[in-house]
Protein backbone atom coordinates (compact mmCIF):
# COMPACT_ATOMS: atom_id res chain seq x y z
CA UNK A 1 82.99 77.86 104.28
CA UNK A 2 84.95 75.12 102.89
CA UNK A 3 88.41 73.74 103.41
CA UNK A 4 89.91 75.75 100.35
CA UNK A 5 88.48 79.23 101.33
CA UNK A 6 89.89 78.47 104.79
CA UNK A 7 93.19 77.83 104.01
CA UNK A 8 93.22 81.00 101.26
CA UNK A 9 92.06 83.11 104.01
CA UNK A 10 94.53 82.19 106.47
CA UNK A 11 97.19 82.18 104.00
CA UNK A 12 95.89 86.17 103.20
CA UNK A 13 95.88 86.59 106.99
CA UNK A 14 99.58 85.50 107.28
CA UNK A 15 100.86 87.62 104.27
CA UNK A 16 99.15 90.50 105.36
CA UNK A 17 101.21 90.15 108.64
CA UNK A 18 104.46 90.36 107.24
CA UNK A 19 103.24 92.57 104.51
CA UNK A 20 102.37 95.48 107.25
CA UNK A 21 105.55 94.41 109.28
CA UNK A 22 107.63 95.35 106.19
CA UNK A 23 105.37 98.44 105.16
CA UNK A 24 105.90 99.36 108.82
CA UNK A 25 109.84 98.87 108.36
CA UNK A 26 110.40 100.99 105.13
CA UNK A 27 108.31 103.62 105.90
CA UNK A 28 110.64 103.87 109.23
CA UNK A 29 113.42 103.77 106.86
CA UNK A 30 111.97 106.34 104.56
CA UNK A 31 111.80 108.97 107.15
CA UNK A 32 115.41 108.07 108.53
CA UNK A 33 116.65 108.78 105.17
CA UNK A 34 114.53 112.29 105.09
CA UNK A 35 115.65 113.25 108.43
CA UNK A 36 119.44 112.44 107.62
CA UNK A 37 118.82 114.36 104.34
CA UNK A 38 118.01 117.58 106.43
CA UNK A 39 121.02 117.95 108.15
CA UNK A 40 120.42 118.31 111.59
CA UNK A 41 122.39 116.05 113.87
CA UNK A 42 120.49 116.11 117.01
CA UNK A 43 117.28 115.66 115.43
CA UNK A 44 118.64 112.86 113.03
CA UNK A 45 120.32 111.08 115.88
CA UNK A 46 116.49 111.37 117.72
CA UNK A 47 114.83 109.73 115.19
CA UNK A 48 116.73 107.16 114.27
CA UNK A 49 116.64 106.07 118.34
CA UNK A 50 112.83 106.16 118.06
CA UNK A 51 112.79 104.36 114.70
CA UNK A 52 115.28 101.42 116.21
CA UNK A 53 112.71 101.56 119.36
CA UNK A 54 109.76 100.81 116.71
CA UNK A 55 111.61 98.40 114.57
CA UNK A 56 113.54 96.09 117.08
CA UNK A 57 110.03 94.59 118.37
CA UNK A 58 108.41 94.02 115.17
CA UNK A 59 111.39 92.22 113.83
CA UNK A 60 111.10 89.93 116.75
CA UNK A 61 107.54 89.70 116.11
CA UNK A 62 108.14 88.51 112.65
CA UNK A 63 110.64 86.23 113.66
CA UNK A 64 109.16 84.72 116.64
CA UNK A 65 105.88 83.97 114.46
CA UNK A 66 107.83 82.11 111.79
CA UNK A 67 109.64 80.10 114.22
CA UNK A 68 108.27 76.51 114.95
CA UNK A 69 107.73 75.83 119.06
CA UNK A 70 110.24 73.09 120.38
CA UNK A 71 108.87 72.89 124.12
CA UNK A 72 105.63 71.10 123.21
CA UNK A 73 104.50 68.80 125.64
CA UNK A 74 103.95 64.96 123.86
CA UNK A 75 100.47 64.42 122.89
CA UNK A 76 98.72 62.02 125.42
CA UNK A 77 97.22 58.54 124.03
């Protein structure tokens, strides 16, 4: 496999990771909206809590992968 194909594959995998995260967040928002339109207060609150518990780790994972590491050791020469 050439260098170009490896680079393209890496970009596709990286974009797929973020796309999967955004799709999951979109589905959570759609479910929250559908339940809120239903009008049952206790069920709406429970669904929102579960959605928040699922969305927070997803957002944290996306932000941690995008951040460069600052605590790397210096290279040995």
